[in-house]
C-alpha atoms as a PDB file:
ATOM      1  CA  MET A   1     -35.944  19.256 -20.677  1.00  0.00           C
ATOM      2  CA  GLU A   2     -38.437  16.872 -22.924  1.00  0.00           C
ATOM      3  CA  MET A   3     -41.417  17.056 -20.510  1.00  0.00           C
ATOM      4  CA  THR A   4     -43.571  14.769 -22.965  1.00  0.00           C
ATOM      5  CA  SER A   5     -41.373  11.719 -22.016  1.00  0.00           C
ATOM      6  CA  PHE A   6     -41.164  12.517 -18.294  1.00  0.00           C
ATOM      7  CA  PHE A   7     -45.850  13.225 -18.652  1.00  0.00           C
ATOM      8  CA  GLY A   8     -45.954  10.399 -20.770  1.00  0.00           C
ATOM      9  CA  ILE A   9     -44.139   7.651 -18.617  1.00  0.00           C
ATOM     10  CA  ALA A  10     -45.760   9.074 -15.378  1.00  0.00           C
ATOM     11  CA  LEU A  11     -49.007   9.488 -16.822  1.00  0.00           C
ATOM     12  CA  ALA A  12     -48.906   5.240 -17.956  1.00  0.00           C
ATOM     13  CA  ILE A  13     -47.711   4.431 -14.269  1.00  0.00           C
ATOM     14  CA  GLY A  14     -50.081   6.669 -12.306  1.00  0.00           C
ATOM     15  CA  GLY A  15     -53.237   5.479 -14.155  1.00  0.00           C
ATOM     16  CA  ILE A  16     -51.621   2.074 -13.885  1.00  0.00           C
ATOM     17  CA  LEU A  17     -51.325   2.385 -10.179  1.00  0.00           C
ATOM     18  CA  LEU A  18     -54.685   4.876  -9.806  1.00  0.00           C
ATOM     19  CA  GLY A  19     -56.971   1.633 -11.662  1.00  0.00           C
ATOM     20  CA  ASN A  20     -55.329  -0.552  -9.451  1.00  0.00           C
ATOM     21  CA  ILE A  21     -56.569   1.144  -6.373  1.00  0.00           C
ATOM     22  CA  ILE A  22     -60.174   1.957  -7.113  1.00  0.00           C
ATOM     23  CA  GLU A  23     -60.413  -2.352  -8.236  1.00  0.00           C
ATOM     24  CA  GLY A  24     -59.484  -2.795  -4.485  1.00  0.00           C
ATOM     25  CA  GLY A  25     -55.873  -3.295  -5.022  1.00  0.00           C
ATOM     26  CA  HIS A  26     -52.849  -2.363  -2.626  1.00  0.00           C
ATOM     27  CA  ILE A  27     -49.645  -0.064  -4.343  1.00  0.00           C
ATOM     28  CA  ASN A  28     -47.698  -2.486  -1.616  1.00  0.00           C
ATOM     29  CA  SER A  29     -48.974  -5.961  -3.512  1.00  0.00           C
ATOM     30  CA  LEU A  30     -47.137  -4.469  -6.641  1.00  0.00           C
ATOM     31  CA  LEU A  31     -43.796  -3.590  -4.574  1.00  0.00           C
ATOM     32  CA  GLN A  32     -41.619  -6.620  -5.099  1.00  0.00           C
ATOM     33  CA  PHE A  33     -38.090  -6.318  -4.718  1.00  0.00           C
ATOM     34  CA  ALA A  34     -37.287  -9.861  -6.091  1.00  0.00           C
ATOM     35  CA  ALA A  35     -39.334  -9.568  -8.930  1.00  0.00           C
ATOM     36  CA  ALA A  36     -37.586  -6.527  -9.907  1.00  0.00           C
ATOM     37  CA  VAL A  37     -34.382  -8.246  -9.399  1.00  0.00           C
ATOM     38  CA  ILE A  38     -35.302 -10.953 -11.676  1.00  0.00           C
ATOM     39  CA  VAL A  39     -37.152  -8.220 -14.436  1.00  0.00           C
ATOM     40  CA  LEU A  40     -34.425  -5.898 -14.674  1.00  0.00           C
ATOM     41  CA  THR A  41     -31.183  -8.182 -14.260  1.00  0.00           C
ATOM     42  CA  GLY A  42     -32.746 -10.578 -16.574  1.00  0.00           C
ATOM     43  CA  THR A  43     -33.149  -7.973 -19.460  1.00  0.00           C
ATOM     44  CA  LEU A  44     -29.951  -6.307 -18.510  1.00  0.00           C
ATOM     45  CA  GLY A  45     -28.196  -9.279 -19.144  1.00  0.00           C
ATOM     46  CA  ALA A  46     -30.122 -10.298 -22.220  1.00  0.00           C
ATOM     47  CA  VAL A  47     -29.493  -6.656 -23.928  1.00  0.00           C
ATOM     48  CA  ILE A  48     -25.463  -6.857 -23.235  1.00  0.00           C
ATOM     49  CA  THR A  49     -25.421 -10.571 -24.340  1.00  0.00           C
ATOM     50  CA  SER A  50     -27.231  -9.533 -27.616  1.00  0.00           C
ATOM     51  CA  SER A  51     -25.513  -5.718 -28.321  1.00  0.00           C
ATOM     52  CA  ARG A  52     -21.555  -4.140 -28.924  1.00  0.00           C
ATOM     53  CA  LYS A  53     -20.507  -2.351 -26.300  1.00  0.00           C
ATOM     54  CA  LYS A  54     -20.194   0.463 -28.356  1.00  0.00           C
ATOM     55  CA  ASP A  55     -24.028   0.207 -28.753  1.00  0.00           C
ATOM     56  CA  LEU A  56     -25.023  -0.233 -25.169  1.00  0.00           C
ATOM     57  CA  SER A  57     -22.468   2.828 -24.548  1.00  0.00           C
ATOM     58  CA  LEU A  58     -24.864   5.014 -26.959  1.00  0.00           C
ATOM     59  CA  ALA A  59     -27.997   3.554 -25.834  1.00  0.00           C
ATOM     60  CA  VAL A  60     -27.552   5.442 -22.888  1.00  0.00           C
ATOM     61  CA  GLU A  61     -26.496   8.397 -23.955  1.00  0.00           C
ATOM     62  CA  LEU A  62     -29.339   8.260 -26.272  1.00  0.00           C
ATOM     63  CA  MET A  63     -31.571   7.313 -23.436  1.00  0.00           C
ATOM     64  CA  LYS A  64     -30.184  10.770 -22.224  1.00  0.00           C
ATOM     65  CA  SER A  65     -31.589  12.593 -24.924  1.00  0.00           C
ATOM     66  CA  ALA A  66     -35.013  11.235 -24.869  1.00  0.00           C
ATOM     67  CA  PHE A  67     -35.144  13.317 -21.550  1.00  0.00           C
ATOM     68  CA  ARG A  68     -33.861  16.424 -23.024  1.00  0.00           C
ATOM     69  CA  LYS A  69     -35.298  19.002 -25.326  1.00  0.00           C
ATOM     70  CA  SER A  70     -33.375  18.656 -28.797  1.00  0.00           C
ATOM     71  CA  LYS A  71     -31.229  21.609 -29.750  1.00  0.00           C
ATOM     72  CA  ASN A  72     -32.975  23.884 -31.458  1.00  0.00           C
ATOM     73  CA  PHE A  73     -31.845  23.525 -35.062  1.00  0.00           C
ATOM     74  CA  LYS A  74     -33.693  26.142 -37.137  1.00  0.00           C
ATOM     75  CA  SER A  75     -34.140  25.522 -40.067  1.00  0.00           C
ATOM     76  CA  GLU A  76     -35.980  28.827 -41.424  1.00  0.00           C
ATOM     77  CA  ALA A  77     -32.543  30.504 -40.553  1.00  0.00           C
ATOM     78  CA  VAL A  78     -30.048  27.476 -42.539  1.00  0.00           C
ATOM     79  CA  VAL A  79     -32.517  28.382 -45.517  1.00  0.00           C
ATOM     80  CA  THR A  80     -31.995  31.767 -45.017  1.00  0.00           C
ATOM     81  CA  GLU A  81     -28.191  31.317 -45.295  1.00  0.00           C
ATOM     82  CA  PHE A  82     -28.276  29.255 -48.007  1.00  0.00           C
ATOM     83  CA  ILE A  83     -30.209  31.995 -49.821  1.00  0.00           C
ATOM     84  CA  HIS A  84     -27.746  34.443 -48.751  1.00  0.00           C
ATOM     85  CA  CYS A  85     -25.023  32.342 -49.789  1.00  0.00           C
ATOM     86  CA  ALA A  86     -26.767  31.632 -53.092  1.00  0.00           C
ATOM     87  CA  ARG A  87     -27.060  35.531 -53.677  1.00  0.00           C
ATOM     88  CA  LEU A  88     -22.851  36.128 -52.550  1.00  0.00           C
ATOM     89  CA  ALA A  89     -21.998  33.395 -55.243  1.00  0.00           C
ATOM     90  CA  ARG A  90     -24.176  35.070 -58.028  1.00  0.00           C
ATOM     91  CA  LYS A  91     -22.959  38.866 -57.723  1.00  0.00           C
ATOM     92  CA  GLU A  92     -19.205  37.618 -56.809  1.00  0.00           C
ATOM     93  CA  SER A  93     -18.399  34.211 -56.951  1.00  0.00           C
ATOM     94  CA  ILE A  94     -18.564  30.864 -54.888  1.00  0.00           C
ATOM     95  CA  LEU A  95     -15.093  31.649 -53.390  1.00  0.00           C
ATOM     96  CA  SER A  96     -16.856  35.102 -51.569  1.00  0.00           C
ATOM     97  CA  ILE A  97     -18.958  32.318 -49.113  1.00  0.00           C
ATOM     98  CA  GLU A  98     -15.418  30.482 -47.731  1.00  0.00           C
ATOM     99  CA  PRO A  99     -15.189  32.762 -44.902  1.00  0.00           C
ATOM    100  CA  ARG A 100     -18.656  32.369 -43.374  1.00  0.00           C
ATOM    101  CA  ILE A 101     -17.548  28.791 -43.314  1.00  0.00           C
ATOM    102  CA  ALA A 102     -16.092  29.155 -39.847  1.00  0.00           C
ATOM    103  CA  GLY A 103     -19.047  30.691 -38.355  1.00  0.00           C
ATOM    104  CA  TYR A 104     -21.155  27.873 -38.731  1.00  0.00           C
ATOM    105  CA  SER A 105     -21.726  25.732 -35.815  1.00  0.00           C
ATOM    106  CA  ASP A 106     -22.938  22.176 -37.467  1.00  0.00           C
ATOM    107  CA  PRO A 107     -20.018  20.267 -38.496  1.00  0.00           C
ATOM    108  CA  PHE A 108     -21.921  19.079 -41.249  1.00  0.00           C
ATOM    109  CA  MET A 109     -22.480  22.260 -42.533  1.00  0.00           C
ATOM    110  CA  GLN A 110     -19.073  23.174 -42.777  1.00  0.00           C
ATOM    111  CA  GLY A 111     -17.981  19.949 -44.448  1.00  0.00           C
ATOM    112  CA  VAL A 112     -20.719  20.389 -46.920  1.00  0.00           C
ATOM    113  CA  MET A 113     -19.481  23.736 -48.038  1.00  0.00           C
ATOM    114  CA  ARG A 114     -16.524  23.171 -48.339  1.00  0.00           C
ATOM    115  CA  ALA A 115     -16.540  20.506 -50.898  1.00  0.00           C
ATOM    116  CA  VAL A 116     -18.866  23.024 -52.430  1.00  0.00           C
ATOM    117  CA  ILE A 117     -16.338  26.084 -52.419  1.00  0.00           C
ATOM    118  CA  ASP A 118     -13.310  23.382 -53.349  1.00  0.00           C
ATOM    119  CA  GLY A 119     -15.105  22.429 -56.221  1.00  0.00           C
ATOM    120  CA  LEU A 120     -16.411  18.884 -56.059  1.00  0.00           C
ATOM    121  CA  ASP A 121     -18.672  17.508 -59.042  1.00  0.00           C
ATOM    122  CA  PRO A 122     -22.276  17.387 -57.283  1.00  0.00           C
ATOM    123  CA  LYS A 123     -22.188  13.711 -57.885  1.00  0.00           C
ATOM    124  CA  VAL A 124     -19.084  13.144 -55.949  1.00  0.00           C
ATOM    125  CA  ILE A 125     -20.524  15.756 -53.015  1.00  0.00           C
ATOM    126  CA  ARG A 126     -23.914  13.634 -53.081  1.00  0.00           C
ATOM    127  CA  GLU A 127     -22.192  10.134 -52.849  1.00  0.00           C
ATOM    128  CA  ILE A 128     -19.813  11.315 -50.081  1.00  0.00           C
ATOM    129  CA  PHE A 129     -22.576  12.857 -47.447  1.00  0.00           C
ATOM    130  CA  GLU A 130     -25.376  10.577 -48.113  1.00  0.00           C
ATOM    131  CA  GLN A 131     -23.082   8.035 -47.287  1.00  0.00           C
ATOM    132  CA  GLU A 132     -22.184   9.505 -44.053  1.00  0.00           C
ATOM    133  CA  ILE A 133     -26.135  10.258 -43.273  1.00  0.00           C
ATOM    134  CA  SER A 134     -26.282   6.277 -44.305  1.00  0.00           C
ATOM    135  CA  LEU A 135     -23.304   5.503 -41.465  1.00  0.00           C
ATOM    136  CA  GLU A 136     -24.919   8.003 -39.091  1.00  0.00           C
ATOM    137  CA  GLU A 137     -28.627   6.591 -39.281  1.00  0.00           C
ATOM    138  CA  GLU A 138     -26.921   2.926 -39.047  1.00  0.00           C
ATOM    139  CA  GLY A 139     -24.845   3.896 -35.832  1.00  0.00           C
ATOM    140  CA  LEU A 140     -28.037   5.688 -34.264  1.00  0.00           C
ATOM    141  CA  LEU A 141     -30.443   3.119 -35.054  1.00  0.00           C
ATOM    142  CA  ALA A 142     -28.119   0.547 -33.353  1.00  0.00           C
ATOM    143  CA  GLY A 143     -28.223   2.628 -30.535  1.00  0.00           C
ATOM    144  CA  ALA A 144     -32.298   2.855 -30.346  1.00  0.00           C
ATOM    145  CA  LYS A 145     -32.554  -0.881 -31.265  1.00  0.00           C
ATOM    146  CA  VAL A 146     -30.573  -1.484 -27.673  1.00  0.00           C
ATOM    147  CA  TRP A 147     -34.121  -0.266 -26.042  1.00  0.00           C
ATOM    148  CA  SER A 148     -36.394  -2.046 -28.751  1.00  0.00           C
ATOM    149  CA  ASP A 149     -34.235  -5.286 -28.100  1.00  0.00           C
ATOM    150  CA  ALA A 150     -34.873  -4.232 -23.624  1.00  0.00           C
ATOM    151  CA  GLY A 151     -38.677  -4.236 -24.837  1.00  0.00           C
ATOM    152  CA  GLY A 152     -38.683  -7.175 -26.269  1.00  0.00           C
ATOM    153  CA  PHE A 153     -36.984  -9.800 -23.258  1.00  0.00           C
ATOM    154  CA  ALA A 154     -38.281  -7.799 -20.558  1.00  0.00           C
ATOM    155  CA  PRO A 155     -41.707  -9.765 -20.833  1.00  0.00           C
ATOM    156  CA  THR A 156     -39.901 -13.359 -21.343  1.00  0.00           C
ATOM    157  CA  VAL A 157     -38.208 -12.607 -18.265  1.00  0.00           C
ATOM    158  CA  GLY A 158     -40.969 -11.531 -16.353  1.00  0.00           C
ATOM    159  CA  ILE A 159     -42.666 -14.889 -17.165  1.00  0.00           C
ATOM    160  CA  ILE A 160     -39.406 -16.401 -16.112  1.00  0.00           C
ATOM    161  CA  GLY A 161     -40.437 -14.612 -12.945  1.00  0.00           C
ATOM    162  CA  ALA A 162     -43.685 -16.071 -12.271  1.00  0.00           C
ATOM    163  CA  VAL A 163     -42.798 -19.423 -13.099  1.00  0.00           C
ATOM    164  CA  LEU A 164     -39.715 -18.960 -10.603  1.00  0.00           C
ATOM    165  CA  GLY A 165     -42.164 -18.056  -8.338  1.00  0.00           C
ATOM    166  CA  LEU A 166     -45.246 -20.577  -8.761  1.00  0.00           C
ATOM    167  CA  ILE A 167     -42.463 -23.036  -7.727  1.00  0.00           C
ATOM    168  CA  HIS A 168     -41.429 -21.132  -4.647  1.00  0.00           C
ATOM    169  CA  VAL A 169     -45.539 -21.374  -4.004  1.00  0.00           C
ATOM    170  CA  MET A 170     -45.855 -24.963  -5.280  1.00  0.00           C
ATOM    171  CA  SER A 171     -42.556 -26.134  -2.928  1.00  0.00           C
ATOM    172  CA  ASN A 172     -44.870 -24.879   0.093  1.00  0.00           C
ATOM    173  CA  LEU A 173     -48.341 -25.635  -0.505  1.00  0.00           C
ATOM    174  CA  ALA A 174     -48.414 -27.178   3.452  1.00  0.00           C
ATOM    175  CA  ASP A 175     -48.983 -23.983   4.198  1.00  0.00           C
ATOM    176  CA  THR A 176     -52.598 -23.320   2.138  1.00  0.00           C
ATOM    177  CA  SER A 177     -53.081 -20.014   4.147  1.00  0.00           C
ATOM    178  CA  LYS A 178     -50.415 -18.157   2.113  1.00  0.00           C
ATOM    179  CA  LEU A 179     -51.065 -19.579  -1.424  1.00  0.00           C
ATOM    180  CA  GLY A 180     -53.142 -16.728  -2.446  1.00  0.00           C
ATOM    181  CA  ALA A 181     -50.836 -13.742  -1.676  1.00  0.00           C
ATOM    182  CA  GLY A 182     -47.773 -16.081  -2.896  1.00  0.00           C
ATOM    183  CA  ILE A 183     -48.887 -16.594  -6.482  1.00  0.00           C
ATOM    184  CA  ALA A 184     -50.088 -13.186  -6.149  1.00  0.00           C
ATOM    185  CA  VAL A 185     -46.645 -12.476  -5.625  1.00  0.00           C
ATOM    186  CA  ALA A 186     -45.366 -14.109  -8.350  1.00  0.00           C
ATOM    187  CA  PHE A 187     -47.693 -12.438 -11.084  1.00  0.00           C
ATOM    188  CA  VAL A 188     -45.931  -9.610 -10.072  1.00  0.00           C
ATOM    189  CA  ALA A 189     -42.991 -10.494 -12.326  1.00  0.00           C
ATOM    190  CA  THR A 190     -45.055 -10.571 -15.186  1.00  0.00           C
ATOM    191  CA  VAL A 191     -46.652  -7.344 -14.546  1.00  0.00           C
ATOM    192  CA  TYR A 192     -43.212  -5.908 -14.174  1.00  0.00           C
ATOM    193  CA  GLY A 193     -41.797  -7.557 -17.364  1.00  0.00           C
ATOM    194  CA  VAL A 194     -44.793  -6.199 -19.235  1.00  0.00           C
ATOM    195  CA  GLY A 195     -44.626  -2.860 -17.429  1.00  0.00           C
ATOM    196  CA  PHE A 196     -40.793  -2.141 -18.098  1.00  0.00           C
ATOM    197  CA  ALA A 197     -41.573  -2.904 -21.530  1.00  0.00           C
ATOM    198  CA  ASN A 198     -44.772  -1.325 -23.022  1.00  0.00           C
ATOM    199  CA  LEU A 199     -43.961   1.703 -20.603  1.00  0.00           C
ATOM    200  CA  VAL A 200     -40.641   2.110 -20.564  1.00  0.00           C
ATOM    201  CA  PHE A 201     -38.228   0.562 -22.946  1.00  0.00           C
ATOM    202  CA  ILE A 202     -40.179   0.317 -26.448  1.00  0.00           C
ATOM    203  CA  PRO A 203     -42.172   4.634 -25.993  1.00  0.00           C
ATOM    204  CA  ILE A 204     -38.016   5.161 -24.843  1.00  0.00           C
ATOM    205  CA  ALA A 205     -36.899   3.548 -28.308  1.00  0.00           C
ATOM    206  CA  ASN A 206     -39.944   5.254 -30.102  1.00  0.00           C
ATOM    207  CA  LYS A 207     -38.739   8.648 -28.902  1.00  0.00           C
ATOM    208  CA  ILE A 208     -35.369   8.083 -30.099  1.00  0.00           C
ATOM    209  CA  ARG A 209     -35.953   6.634 -33.786  1.00  0.00           C
ATOM    210  CA  LYS A 210     -38.206   9.391 -34.432  1.00  0.00           C
ATOM    211  CA  LYS A 211     -34.945  12.333 -33.006  1.00  0.00           C
ATOM    212  CA  VAL A 212     -32.769  10.050 -35.126  1.00  0.00           C
ATOM    213  CA  SER A 213     -35.035  10.929 -38.186  1.00  0.00           C
ATOM    214  CA  GLU A 214     -34.982  14.684 -36.886  1.00  0.00           C
ATOM    215  CA  THR A 215     -31.525  14.740 -37.111  1.00  0.00           C
ATOM    216  CA  LEU A 216     -30.812  12.908 -40.753  1.00  0.00           C
ATOM    217  CA  ARG A 217     -33.729  15.557 -42.324  1.00  0.00           C
ATOM    218  CA  GLU A 218     -31.467  18.498 -40.920  1.00  0.00           C
ATOM    219  CA  ARG A 219     -28.699  16.915 -42.679  1.00  0.00           C
ATOM    220  CA  GLU A 220     -30.573  16.330 -46.082  1.00  0.00           C
ATOM    221  CA  LEU A 221     -32.260  19.804 -46.341  1.00  0.00           C
ATOM    222  CA  ILE A 222     -27.919  20.772 -45.181  1.00  0.00           C
ATOM    223  CA  LEU A 223     -26.745  18.809 -48.311  1.00  0.00           C
ATOM    224  CA  GLU A 224     -29.786  19.694 -50.583  1.00  0.00           C
ATOM    225  CA  GLY A 225     -28.500  23.354 -49.671  1.00  0.00           C
ATOM    226  CA  GLY A 226     -24.869  22.852 -50.625  1.00  0.00           C
ATOM    227  CA  LEU A 227     -25.771  21.284 -53.805  1.00  0.00           C
ATOM    228  CA  ALA A 228     -28.082  24.298 -54.677  1.00  0.00           C
ATOM    229  CA  ILE A 229     -24.869  26.673 -54.586  1.00  0.00           C
ATOM    230  CA  SER A 230     -22.951  23.863 -56.191  1.00  0.00           C
ATOM    231  CA  ALA A 231     -25.568  23.939 -58.988  1.00  0.00           C
ATOM    232  CA  GLY A 232     -25.542  27.984 -59.516  1.00  0.00           C
ATOM    233  CA  LEU A 233     -29.247  28.003 -58.779  1.00  0.00           C
ATOM    234  CA  SER A 234     -30.420  31.351 -58.011  1.00  0.00           C
ATOM    235  CA  PRO A 235     -31.762  32.450 -54.608  1.00  0.00           C
ATOM    236  CA  ILE A 236     -35.657  31.882 -55.397  1.00  0.00           C
ATOM    237  CA  MET A 237     -34.850  28.467 -56.804  1.00  0.00           C
ATOM    238  CA  VAL A 238     -32.813  27.846 -53.927  1.00  0.00           C
ATOM    239  CA  GLU A 239     -35.551  28.837 -51.308  1.00  0.00           C
ATOM    240  CA  ILE A 240     -38.084  26.802 -53.638  1.00  0.00           C
ATOM    241  CA  LYS A 241     -35.686  23.524 -53.326  1.00  0.00           C
ATOM    242  CA  LEU A 242     -35.597  23.480 -49.517  1.00  0.00           C
ATOM    243  CA  LYS A 243     -39.109  25.001 -48.775  1.00  0.00           C
ATOM    244  CA  PRO A 244     -40.648  21.630 -48.038  1.00  0.00           C
ATOM    245  CA  TYR A 245     -37.889  20.412 -45.213  1.00  0.00           C
ATOM    246  CA  ILE A 246     -39.092  23.561 -43.401  1.00  0.00           C
ATOM    247  CA  GLU A 247     -42.614  22.616 -43.605  1.00  0.00           C
ATOM    248  CA  LYS A 248     -41.815  19.121 -42.851  1.00  0.00           C
ATOM    249  CA  GLN A 249     -40.173  19.917 -39.442  1.00  0.00           C
ATOM    250  CA  ASN A 250     -43.369  22.362 -38.508  1.00  0.00           C
END
């Protein structure tokens, strides 16, 4: 479980509520069902309209990943594996690496190493798998963009909710005793719109982008390791070439 996501959202919302209480406000005044319905359904409708079905499904899955701890990608272990493969390739032949491929849990690493063992030209290997990385990045960022879009739509929908509330207030000017409370309720929609955007939607989008970046860096490490084996580099050179990826991750 990714505790920073839960803690960050809880801290942001809790701090705002605490500040409201310190200023003499009441939490009940911020709990307006109608405002929540306007903001959430309006934002959802706008997001659905502007997104493809597969992007929406991916956005839900990526949102779950923002609150789950990332799978432990052990870059040091991957680098050690490539160094070992380099030793095998020099001591015996590159074909001696083939039995090890089935033990790799990462399909991307399996694909890269199969291409290396099959003797494909390094330029071809790089072109194939860089394109795969690029397409994966494009797809994942499309899912993250759904949450960014929600963060863009929510404040505007909140303003619409506030205007609707003010229209309702203005239509009942006869009872002046309720004007203050009515106006306060109207502006709660704006609070919801800005709050959901900046405390939930945009932070989730940013967390997803960071996780996408980590995933792509893992792919780059694997690709560079495979190309190093294909080029017949020595174990020491393989380690030197891949060491920066460990430093980036740490």
